[in-house]
Amino acid sequence: NPAAEADVAKMNENLRADTDYIKGVEFTHSEVIEDGSVQFFYNY
């Protein structure tokens, strides 16, 4: 979902701006799952 991919970028901005940010933690992508909802993935 293109809008969700834009959300990934914005959530990464929010992550990096957080005072508790741990270097290397990031949202990586999103997928539309079977029921039509969006699932976000992250890595560390």
All heavy atoms as atom14 arrays in JSON, in Angstrom:
{
  "sequence": "NPAAEADVAKMNENLRADTDYIKGVEFTHSEVIEDGSVQFFYNY",
  "atom14_mask": [
    [1, 1, 1, 1, 1, 1, 1, 1, 0, 0, 0, 0, 0, 0],
    [1, 1, 1, 1, 1, 1, 1, 0, 0, 0, 0, 0, 0, 0],
    [1, 1, 1, 1, 1, 0, 0, 0, 0, 0, 0, 0, 0, 0],
    [1, 1, 1, 1, 1, 0, 0, 0, 0, 0, 0, 0, 0, 0],
    [1, 1, 1, 1, 1, 1, 1, 1, 1, 0, 0, 0, 0, 0],
    [1, 1, 1, 1, 1, 0, 0, 0, 0, 0, 0, 0, 0, 0],
    [1, 1, 1, 1, 1, 1, 1, 1, 0, 0, 0, 0, 0, 0],
    [1, 1, 1, 1, 1, 1, 1, 0, 0, 0, 0, 0, 0, 0],
    [1, 1, 1, 1, 1, 0, 0, 0, 0, 0, 0, 0, 0, 0],
    [1, 1, 1, 1, 1, 1, 1, 1, 1, 0, 0, 0, 0, 0],
    [1, 1, 1, 1, 1, 1, 1, 1, 0, 0, 0, 0, 0, 0],
    [1, 1, 1, 1, 1, 1, 1, 1, 0, 0, 0, 0, 0, 0],
    [1, 1, 1, 1, 1, 1, 1, 1, 1, 0, 0, 0, 0, 0],
    [1, 1, 1, 1, 1, 1, 1, 1, 0, 0, 0, 0, 0, 0],
    [1, 1, 1, 1, 1, 1, 1, 1, 0, 0, 0, 0, 0, 0],
    [1, 1, 1, 1, 1, 1, 1, 1, 1, 1, 1, 0, 0, 0],
    [1, 1, 1, 1, 1, 0, 0, 0, 0, 0, 0, 0, 0, 0],
    [1, 1, 1, 1, 1, 1, 1, 1, 0, 0, 0, 0, 0, 0],
    [1, 1, 1, 1, 1, 1, 1, 0, 0, 0, 0, 0, 0, 0],
    [1, 1, 1, 1, 1, 1, 1, 1, 0, 0, 0, 0, 0, 0],
    [1, 1, 1, 1, 1, 1, 1, 1, 1, 1, 1, 1, 0, 0],
    [1, 1, 1, 1, 1, 1, 1, 1, 0, 0, 0, 0, 0, 0],
    [1, 1, 1, 1, 1, 1, 1, 1, 1, 0, 0, 0, 0, 0],
    [1, 1, 1, 1, 0, 0, 0, 0, 0, 0, 0, 0, 0, 0],
    [1, 1, 1, 1, 1, 1, 1, 0, 0, 0, 0, 0, 0, 0],
    [1, 1, 1, 1, 1, 1, 1, 1, 1, 0, 0, 0, 0, 0],
    [1, 1, 1, 1, 1, 1, 1, 1, 1, 1, 1, 0, 0, 0],
    [1, 1, 1, 1, 1, 1, 1, 0, 0, 0, 0, 0, 0, 0],
    [1, 1, 1, 1, 1, 1, 1, 1, 1, 1, 0, 0, 0, 0],
    [1, 1, 1, 1, 1, 1, 0, 0, 0, 0, 0, 0, 0, 0],
    [1, 1, 1, 1, 1, 1, 1, 1, 1, 0, 0, 0, 0, 0],
    [1, 1, 1, 1, 1, 1, 1, 0, 0, 0, 0, 0, 0, 0],
    [1, 1, 1, 1, 1, 1, 1, 1, 0, 0, 0, 0, 0, 0],
    [1, 1, 1, 1, 1, 1, 1, 1, 1, 0, 0, 0, 0, 0],
    [1, 1, 1, 1, 1, 1, 1, 1, 0, 0, 0, 0, 0, 0],
    [1, 1, 1, 1, 0, 0, 0, 0, 0, 0, 0, 0, 0, 0],
    [1, 1, 1, 1, 1, 1, 0, 0, 0, 0, 0, 0, 0, 0],
    [1, 1, 1, 1, 1, 1, 1, 0, 0, 0, 0, 0, 0, 0],
    [1, 1, 1, 1, 1, 1, 1, 1, 1, 0, 0, 0, 0, 0],
    [1, 1, 1, 1, 1, 1, 1, 1, 1, 1, 1, 0, 0, 0],
    [1, 1, 1, 1, 1, 1, 1, 1, 1, 1, 1, 0, 0, 0],
    [1, 1, 1, 1, 1, 1, 1, 1, 1, 1, 1, 1, 0, 0],
    [1, 1, 1, 1, 1, 1, 1, 1, 0, 0, 0, 0, 0, 0],
    [1, 1, 1, 1, 1, 1, 1, 1, 1, 1, 1, 1, 0, 0]
  ],
  "atom14_positions": [
    [[0.87, -1.16, 0.0], [0.0, 0.0, 0.0], [0.92, 1.22, 0.0], [1.67, 1.42, 0.96], [-0.87, -0.03, 1.27], [-1.75, 1.17, 1.39], [-1.35, 2.3, 1.11], [-2.96, 0.96, 1.86], [0.0, 0.0, 0.0], [0.0, 0.0, 0.0], [0.0, 0.0, 0.0], [0.0, 0.0, 0.0], [0.0, 0.0, 0.0], [0.0, 0.0, 0.0]],
    [[0.92, 2.0, -1.08], [1.85, 3.14, -1.16], [1.75, 4.1, 0.03], [2.77, 4.62, 0.49], [1.45, 3.83, -2.46], [0.85, 2.74, -3.29], [0.13, 1.86, -2.3], [0.0, 0.0, 0.0], [0.0, 0.0, 0.0], [0.0, 0.0, 0.0], [0.0, 0.0, 0.0], [0.0, 0.0, 0.0], [0.0, 0.0, 0.0], [0.0, 0.0, 0.0]],
    [[0.57, 4.3, 0.53], [0.42, 5.19, 1.69], [1.11, 4.6, 2.91], [1.72, 5.32, 3.7], [-1.06, 5.44, 1.97], [0.0, 0.0, 0.0], [0.0, 0.0, 0.0], [0.0, 0.0, 0.0], [0.0, 0.0, 0.0], [0.0, 0.0, 0.0], [0.0, 0.0, 0.0], [0.0, 0.0, 0.0], [0.0, 0.0, 0.0], [0.0, 0.0, 0.0]],
    [[1.02, 3.29, 3.06], [1.67, 2.64, 4.2], [3.19, 2.73, 4.07], [3.89, 2.87, 5.08], [1.23, 1.18, 4.31], [0.0, 0.0, 0.0], [0.0, 0.0, 0.0], [0.0, 0.0, 0.0], [0.0, 0.0, 0.0], [0.0, 0.0, 0.0], [0.0, 0.0, 0.0], [0.0, 0.0, 0.0], [0.0, 0.0, 0.0], [0.0, 0.0, 0.0]],
    [[3.7, 2.67, 2.86], [5.14, 2.82, 2.68], [5.59, 4.22, 3.09], [6.67, 4.4, 3.65], [5.54, 2.51, 1.24], [5.48, 1.03, 0.91], [6.34, 0.17, 1.83], [7.56, 0.41, 1.93], [5.79, -0.76, 2.45], [0.0, 0.0, 0.0], [0.0, 0.0, 0.0], [0.0, 0.0, 0.0], [0.0, 0.0, 0.0], [0.0, 0.0, 0.0]],
    [[4.76, 5.22, 2.83], [5.06, 6.57, 3.3], [5.02, 6.61, 4.83], [5.81, 7.33, 5.46], [4.08, 7.58, 2.71], [0.0, 0.0, 0.0], [0.0, 0.0, 0.0], [0.0, 0.0, 0.0], [0.0, 0.0, 0.0], [0.0, 0.0, 0.0], [0.0, 0.0, 0.0], [0.0, 0.0, 0.0], [0.0, 0.0, 0.0], [0.0, 0.0, 0.0]],
    [[4.11, 5.83, 5.43], [4.04, 5.74, 6.89], [5.33, 5.16, 7.46], [5.79, 5.57, 8.52], [2.85, 4.89, 7.33], [1.51, 5.54, 7.03], [1.47, 6.76, 6.74], [0.49, 4.82, 7.1], [0.0, 0.0, 0.0], [0.0, 0.0, 0.0], [0.0, 0.0, 0.0], [0.0, 0.0, 0.0], [0.0, 0.0, 0.0], [0.0, 0.0, 0.0]],
    [[5.91, 4.18, 6.76], [7.17, 3.59, 7.21], [8.24, 4.68, 7.33], [8.95, 4.77, 8.34], [7.64, 2.46, 6.25], [9.08, 2.05, 6.54], [6.72, 1.26, 6.34], [0.0, 0.0, 0.0], [0.0, 0.0, 0.0], [0.0, 0.0, 0.0], [0.0, 0.0, 0.0], [0.0, 0.0, 0.0], [0.0, 0.0, 0.0], [0.0, 0.0, 0.0]],
    [[8.34, 5.52, 6.32], [9.33, 6.6, 6.33], [9.07, 7.56, 7.49], [10.0, 7.97, 8.2], [9.31, 7.35, 5.0], [0.0, 0.0, 0.0], [0.0, 0.0, 0.0], [0.0, 0.0, 0.0], [0.0, 0.0, 0.0], [0.0, 0.0, 0.0], [0.0, 0.0, 0.0], [0.0, 0.0, 0.0], [0.0, 0.0, 0.0], [0.0, 0.0, 0.0]],
    [[7.82, 7.92, 7.71], [7.48, 8.85, 8.79], [7.74, 8.22, 10.16], [8.27, 8.88, 11.06], [6.01, 9.29, 8.67], [5.58, 10.28, 9.72], [6.39, 11.57, 9.65], [5.91, 12.53, 10.72], [6.87, 13.59, 10.97], [0.0, 0.0, 0.0], [0.0, 0.0, 0.0], [0.0, 0.0, 0.0], [0.0, 0.0, 0.0], [0.0, 0.0, 0.0]],
    [[7.39, 6.94, 10.32], [7.64, 6.29, 11.61], [9.14, 6.17, 11.87], [9.57, 6.28, 13.02], [6.94, 4.93, 11.67], [5.44, 5.05, 11.84], [4.59, 3.52, 12.27], [4.8, 2.56, 10.77], [0.0, 0.0, 0.0], [0.0, 0.0, 0.0], [0.0, 0.0, 0.0], [0.0, 0.0, 0.0], [0.0, 0.0, 0.0], [0.0, 0.0, 0.0]],
    [[9.94, 5.99, 10.83], [11.39, 5.97, 11.01], [11.9, 7.33, 11.46], [12.8, 7.42, 12.31], [12.1, 5.49, 9.75], [12.11, 3.99, 9.65], [12.13, 3.28, 10.66], [12.09, 3.48, 8.44], [0.0, 0.0, 0.0], [0.0, 0.0, 0.0], [0.0, 0.0, 0.0], [0.0, 0.0, 0.0], [0.0, 0.0, 0.0], [0.0, 0.0, 0.0]],
    [[11.33, 8.4, 10.92], [11.69, 9.75, 11.4], [11.37, 9.88, 12.87], [12.18, 10.41, 13.65], [10.92, 10.81, 10.62], [11.36, 11.03, 9.2], [10.5, 12.08, 8.5], [9.92, 12.96, 9.19], [10.4, 12.01, 7.27], [0.0, 0.0, 0.0], [0.0, 0.0, 0.0], [0.0, 0.0, 0.0], [0.0, 0.0, 0.0], [0.0, 0.0, 0.0]],
    [[10.19, 9.42, 13.26], [9.77, 9.49, 14.66], [10.68, 8.64, 15.56], [11.0, 9.05, 16.68], [8.32, 9.06, 14.82], [7.35, 10.0, 14.12], [7.72, 11.08, 13.67], [6.11, 9.57, 14.0], [0.0, 0.0, 0.0], [0.0, 0.0, 0.0], [0.0, 0.0, 0.0], [0.0, 0.0, 0.0], [0.0, 0.0, 0.0], [0.0, 0.0, 0.0]],
    [[11.07, 7.47, 15.07], [12.0, 6.61, 15.83], [13.29, 7.35, 16.11], [13.75, 7.41, 17.26], [12.34, 5.36, 15.02], [11.55, 4.09, 15.24], [11.99, 3.03, 14.25], [11.7, 3.58, 16.65], [0.0, 0.0, 0.0], [0.0, 0.0, 0.0], [0.0, 0.0, 0.0], [0.0, 0.0, 0.0], [0.0, 0.0, 0.0], [0.0, 0.0, 0.0]],
    [[13.88, 7.89, 15.06], [15.19, 8.55, 15.19], [15.12, 9.8, 16.06], [16.12, 10.2, 16.66], [15.75, 8.87, 13.82], [16.14, 7.6, 13.07], [16.74, 7.88, 11.71], [16.8, 6.64, 10.95], [16.01, 6.33, 9.94], [15.09, 7.19, 9.53], [16.13, 5.18, 9.32], [0.0, 0.0, 0.0], [0.0, 0.0, 0.0], [0.0, 0.0, 0.0]],
    [[13.97, 10.42, 16.13], [13.81, 11.63, 16.94], [13.54, 11.32, 18.42], [13.67, 12.2, 19.27], [12.66, 12.48, 16.39], [0.0, 0.0, 0.0], [0.0, 0.0, 0.0], [0.0, 0.0, 0.0], [0.0, 0.0, 0.0], [0.0, 0.0, 0.0], [0.0, 0.0, 0.0], [0.0, 0.0, 0.0], [0.0, 0.0, 0.0], [0.0, 0.0, 0.0]],
    [[13.22, 10.08, 18.72], [12.89, 9.7, 20.09], [14.16, 9.68, 20.94], [15.22, 9.22, 20.51], [12.22, 8.32, 20.11], [11.54, 8.06, 21.43], [12.23, 7.71, 22.42], [10.31, 8.22, 21.49], [0.0, 0.0, 0.0], [0.0, 0.0, 0.0], [0.0, 0.0, 0.0], [0.0, 0.0, 0.0], [0.0, 0.0, 0.0], [0.0, 0.0, 0.0]],
    [[14.05, 10.16, 22.17], [15.22, 10.2, 23.06], [15.72, 8.81, 23.43], [16.88, 8.66, 23.82], [14.89, 10.98, 24.36], [13.76, 10.38, 24.99], [14.61, 12.44, 24.05], [0.0, 0.0, 0.0], [0.0, 0.0, 0.0], [0.0, 0.0, 0.0], [0.0, 0.0, 0.0], [0.0, 0.0, 0.0], [0.0, 0.0, 0.0], [0.0, 0.0, 0.0]],
    [[14.88, 7.79, 23.31], [15.27, 6.41, 23.63], [15.73, 5.62, 22.4], [15.9, 4.41, 22.47], [14.1, 5.66, 24.28], [13.74, 6.23, 25.64], [14.66, 6.69, 26.34], [12.56, 6.22, 26.0], [0.0, 0.0, 0.0], [0.0, 0.0, 0.0], [0.0, 0.0, 0.0], [0.0, 0.0, 0.0], [0.0, 0.0, 0.0], [0.0, 0.0, 0.0]],
    [[15.95, 6.32, 21.28], [16.31, 5.63, 20.03], [17.6, 4.81, 20.2], [18.56, 5.26, 20.82], [16.51, 6.64, 18.9], [16.95, 6.0, 17.61], [16.1, 5.14, 16.92], [18.22, 6.22, 17.1], [16.5, 4.53, 15.74], [18.63, 5.62, 15.91], [17.77, 4.78, 15.24], [18.17, 4.17, 14.08], [0.0, 0.0, 0.0], [0.0, 0.0, 0.0]],
    [[17.57, 3.61, 19.63], [18.73, 2.73, 19.6], [19.18, 2.65, 18.15], [18.39, 2.27, 17.27], [18.38, 1.33, 20.14], [17.91, 1.42, 21.58], [19.57, 0.39, 19.99], [17.31, 0.14, 22.13], [0.0, 0.0, 0.0], [0.0, 0.0, 0.0], [0.0, 0.0, 0.0], [0.0, 0.0, 0.0], [0.0, 0.0, 0.0], [0.0, 0.0, 0.0]],
    [[20.42, 3.02, 17.89], [20.94, 3.05, 16.52], [20.72, 1.71, 15.81], [21.02, 0.65, 16.35], [22.43, 3.4, 16.52], [22.99, 3.58, 15.14], [24.44, 4.01, 15.19], [24.96, 4.16, 13.78], [26.35, 4.56, 13.74], [0.0, 0.0, 0.0], [0.0, 0.0, 0.0], [0.0, 0.0, 0.0], [0.0, 0.0, 0.0], [0.0, 0.0, 0.0]],
    [[20.18, 1.81, 14.6], [19.97, 0.62, 13.78], [18.56, 0.06, 13.82], [18.2, -0.78, 13.0], [0.0, 0.0, 0.0], [0.0, 0.0, 0.0], [0.0, 0.0, 0.0], [0.0, 0.0, 0.0], [0.0, 0.0, 0.0], [0.0, 0.0, 0.0], [0.0, 0.0, 0.0], [0.0, 0.0, 0.0], [0.0, 0.0, 0.0], [0.0, 0.0, 0.0]],
    [[17.76, 0.51, 14.79], [16.37, 0.06, 14.84], [15.6, 0.83, 13.79], [15.7, 2.05, 13.7], [15.76, 0.3, 16.25], [14.29, -0.08, 16.27], [16.54, -0.46, 17.3], [0.0, 0.0, 0.0], [0.0, 0.0, 0.0], [0.0, 0.0, 0.0], [0.0, 0.0, 0.0], [0.0, 0.0, 0.0], [0.0, 0.0, 0.0], [0.0, 0.0, 0.0]],
    [[14.84, 0.1, 12.95], [14.08, 0.79, 11.91], [12.92, -0.06, 11.42], [12.97, -1.28, 11.45], [14.97, 1.16, 10.73], [15.48, -0.04, 9.96], [16.33, 0.33, 8.76], [16.49, 1.53, 8.47], [16.83, -0.6, 8.12], [0.0, 0.0, 0.0], [0.0, 0.0, 0.0], [0.0, 0.0, 0.0], [0.0, 0.0, 0.0], [0.0, 0.0, 0.0]],
    [[11.88, 0.65, 11.0], [10.8, -0.02, 10.27], [11.34, -0.29, 8.87], [11.98, 0.57, 8.27], [9.56, 0.88, 10.21], [8.85, 1.0, 11.53], [9.14, 2.05, 12.39], [7.91, 0.07, 11.92], [8.5, 2.17, 13.61], [7.26, 0.17, 13.14], [7.55, 1.21, 13.98], [0.0, 0.0, 0.0], [0.0, 0.0, 0.0], [0.0, 0.0, 0.0]],
    [[11.1, -1.49, 8.36], [11.69, -1.85, 7.07], [10.71, -1.79, 5.91], [11.06, -1.35, 4.83], [12.28, -3.27, 7.13], [11.26, -4.19, 7.55], [13.46, -3.31, 8.1], [0.0, 0.0, 0.0], [0.0, 0.0, 0.0], [0.0, 0.0, 0.0], [0.0, 0.0, 0.0], [0.0, 0.0, 0.0], [0.0, 0.0, 0.0], [0.0, 0.0, 0.0]],
    [[9.48, -2.24, 6.14], [8.48, -2.25, 5.07], [7.12, -2.58, 5.65], [6.99, -2.86, 6.84], [8.86, -3.24, 3.97], [8.79, -4.68, 4.39], [9.74, -5.28, 5.19], [7.88, -5.64, 4.11], [9.42, -6.54, 5.39], [8.29, -6.79, 4.75], [0.0, 0.0, 0.0], [0.0, 0.0, 0.0], [0.0, 0.0, 0.0], [0.0, 0.0, 0.0]],
    [[6.13, -2.56, 4.78], [4.77, -2.94, 5.17], [4.22, -3.89, 4.12], [4.7, -3.9, 2.98], [3.87, -1.71, 5.3], [3.74, -1.08, 4.03], [0.0, 0.0, 0.0], [0.0, 0.0, 0.0], [0.0, 0.0, 0.0], [0.0, 0.0, 0.0], [0.0, 0.0, 0.0], [0.0, 0.0, 0.0], [0.0, 0.0, 0.0], [0.0, 0.0, 0.0]],
    [[3.25, -4.67, 4.51], [2.56, -5.58, 3.6], [1.07, -5.55, 3.88], [0.66, -5.44, 5.03], [3.04, -7.02, 3.77], [4.45, -7.29, 3.35], [4.86, -8.75, 3.51], [3.97, -9.61, 3.69], [6.06, -9.02, 3.48], [0.0, 0.0, 0.0], [0.0, 0.0, 0.0], [0.0, 0.0, 0.0], [0.0, 0.0, 0.0], [0.0, 0.0, 0.0]],
    [[0.29, -5.65, 2.84], [-1.16, -5.82, 3.0], [-1.38, -7.31, 3.2], [-0.98, -8.13, 2.36], [-1.92, -5.31, 1.76], [-3.41, -5.54, 1.92], [-1.62, -3.84, 1.5], [0.0, 0.0, 0.0], [0.0, 0.0, 0.0], [0.0, 0.0, 0.0], [0.0, 0.0, 0.0], [0.0, 0.0, 0.0], [0.0, 0.0, 0.0], [0.0, 0.0, 0.0]],
    [[-2.0, -7.68, 4.31], [-2.22, -9.1, 4.6], [-3.62, -9.51, 4.14], [-4.38, -8.69, 3.64], [-1.95, -9.43, 6.07], [-2.8, -8.57, 7.02], [-0.48, -9.21, 6.39], [-2.6, -8.9, 8.48], [0.0, 0.0, 0.0], [0.0, 0.0, 0.0], [0.0, 0.0, 0.0], [0.0, 0.0, 0.0], [0.0, 0.0, 0.0], [0.0, 0.0, 0.0]],
    [[-3.92, -10.79, 4.29], [-5.14, -11.38, 3.71], [-6.42, -10.63, 4.03], [-7.29, -10.5, 3.18], [-5.28, -12.84, 4.16], [-4.41, -13.77, 3.38], [-4.69, -15.22, 3.71], [-5.83, -15.56, 4.07], [-3.74, -16.02, 3.61], [0.0, 0.0, 0.0], [0.0, 0.0, 0.0], [0.0, 0.0, 0.0], [0.0, 0.0, 0.0], [0.0, 0.0, 0.0]],
    [[-6.56, -10.15, 5.25], [-7.81, -9.47, 5.62], [-7.87, -8.02, 5.15], [-8.81, -7.31, 5.43], [-8.05, -9.56, 7.13], [-7.06, -8.76, 7.96], [-6.18, -8.1, 7.38], [-7.17, -8.81, 9.2], [0.0, 0.0, 0.0], [0.0, 0.0, 0.0], [0.0, 0.0, 0.0], [0.0, 0.0, 0.0], [0.0, 0.0, 0.0], [0.0, 0.0, 0.0]],
    [[-6.82, -7.58, 4.44], [-6.8, -6.22, 3.9], [-6.12, -5.2, 4.8], [-5.91, -4.06, 4.4], [0.0, 0.0, 0.0], [0.0, 0.0, 0.0], [0.0, 0.0, 0.0], [0.0, 0.0, 0.0], [0.0, 0.0, 0.0], [0.0, 0.0, 0.0], [0.0, 0.0, 0.0], [0.0, 0.0, 0.0], [0.0, 0.0, 0.0], [0.0, 0.0, 0.0]],
    [[-5.79, -5.61, 6.01], [-5.09, -4.68, 6.9], [-3.6, -4.64, 6.54], [-3.11, -5.46, 5.77], [-5.29, -5.09, 8.36], [-4.71, -6.36, 8.6], [0.0, 0.0, 0.0], [0.0, 0.0, 0.0], [0.0, 0.0, 0.0], [0.0, 0.0, 0.0], [0.0, 0.0, 0.0], [0.0, 0.0, 0.0], [0.0, 0.0, 0.0], [0.0, 0.0, 0.0]],
    [[-2.93, -3.67, 7.09], [-1.51, -3.48, 6.79], [-0.69, -3.9, 8.0], [-1.0, -3.53, 9.13], [-1.21, -2.01, 6.44], [0.28, -1.8, 6.22], [-2.0, -1.59, 5.2], [0.0, 0.0, 0.0], [0.0, 0.0, 0.0], [0.0, 0.0, 0.0], [0.0, 0.0, 0.0], [0.0, 0.0, 0.0], [0.0, 0.0, 0.0], [0.0, 0.0, 0.0]],
    [[0.35, -4.68, 7.74], [1.27, -5.1, 8.79], [2.61, -4.43, 8.54], [3.11, -4.43, 7.41], [1.43, -6.61, 8.8], [2.32, -7.12, 9.9], [2.32, -8.62, 10.01], [1.63, -9.31, 9.27], [3.1, -9.14, 10.93], [0.0, 0.0, 0.0], [0.0, 0.0, 0.0], [0.0, 0.0, 0.0], [0.0, 0.0, 0.0], [0.0, 0.0, 0.0]],
    [[3.18, -3.84, 9.59], [4.48, -3.17, 9.48], [5.56, -4.08, 10.07], [5.35, -4.75, 11.07], [4.46, -1.84, 10.23], [3.56, -0.83, 9.59], [2.23, -0.71, 9.94], [4.06, 0.01, 8.6], [1.4, 0.21, 9.34], [3.24, 0.93, 7.98], [1.9, 1.04, 8.35], [0.0, 0.0, 0.0], [0.0, 0.0, 0.0], [0.0, 0.0, 0.0]],
    [[6.72, -4.06, 9.44], [7.85, -4.88, 9.87], [8.99, -3.97, 10.28], [9.15, -2.87, 9.76], [8.3, -5.8, 8.73], [7.26, -6.8, 8.34], [6.27, -6.47, 7.44], [7.26, -8.07, 8.91], [5.29, -7.4, 7.07], [6.3, -9.0, 8.56], [5.31, -8.67, 7.64], [0.0, 0.0, 0.0], [0.0, 0.0, 0.0], [0.0, 0.0, 0.0]],
    [[9.8, -4.46, 11.21], [10.95, -3.69, 11.66], [12.14, -4.62, 11.85], [12.0, -5.83, 11.85], [10.65, -2.91, 12.95], [10.44, -3.78, 14.17], [11.49, -4.05, 15.04], [9.2, -4.32, 14.45], [11.31, -4.84, 16.16], [9.0, -5.11, 15.57], [10.06, -5.37, 16.42], [9.87, -6.16, 17.52], [0.0, 0.0, 0.0], [0.0, 0.0, 0.0]],
    [[13.3, -4.01, 12.01], [14.52, -4.76, 12.2], [15.38, -4.04, 13.22], [15.23, -2.83, 13.44], [15.26, -4.87, 10.86], [16.26, -6.02, 10.85], [16.39, -6.76, 11.81], [16.97, -6.14, 9.75], [0.0, 0.0, 0.0], [0.0, 0.0, 0.0], [0.0, 0.0, 0.0], [0.0, 0.0, 0.0], [0.0, 0.0, 0.0], [0.0, 0.0, 0.0]],
    [[16.28, -4.78, 13.82], [17.24, -4.19, 14.73], [18.56, -4.95, 14.59], [18.58, -6.09, 14.12], [16.74, -4.19, 16.18], [16.29, -5.53, 16.69], [17.2, -6.47, 17.18], [14.94, -5.87, 16.69], [16.77, -7.7, 17.63], [14.51, -7.1, 17.15], [15.44, -8.01, 17.64], [15.02, -9.23, 18.1], [0.0, 0.0, 0.0], [0.0, 0.0, 0.0]]
  ]
}
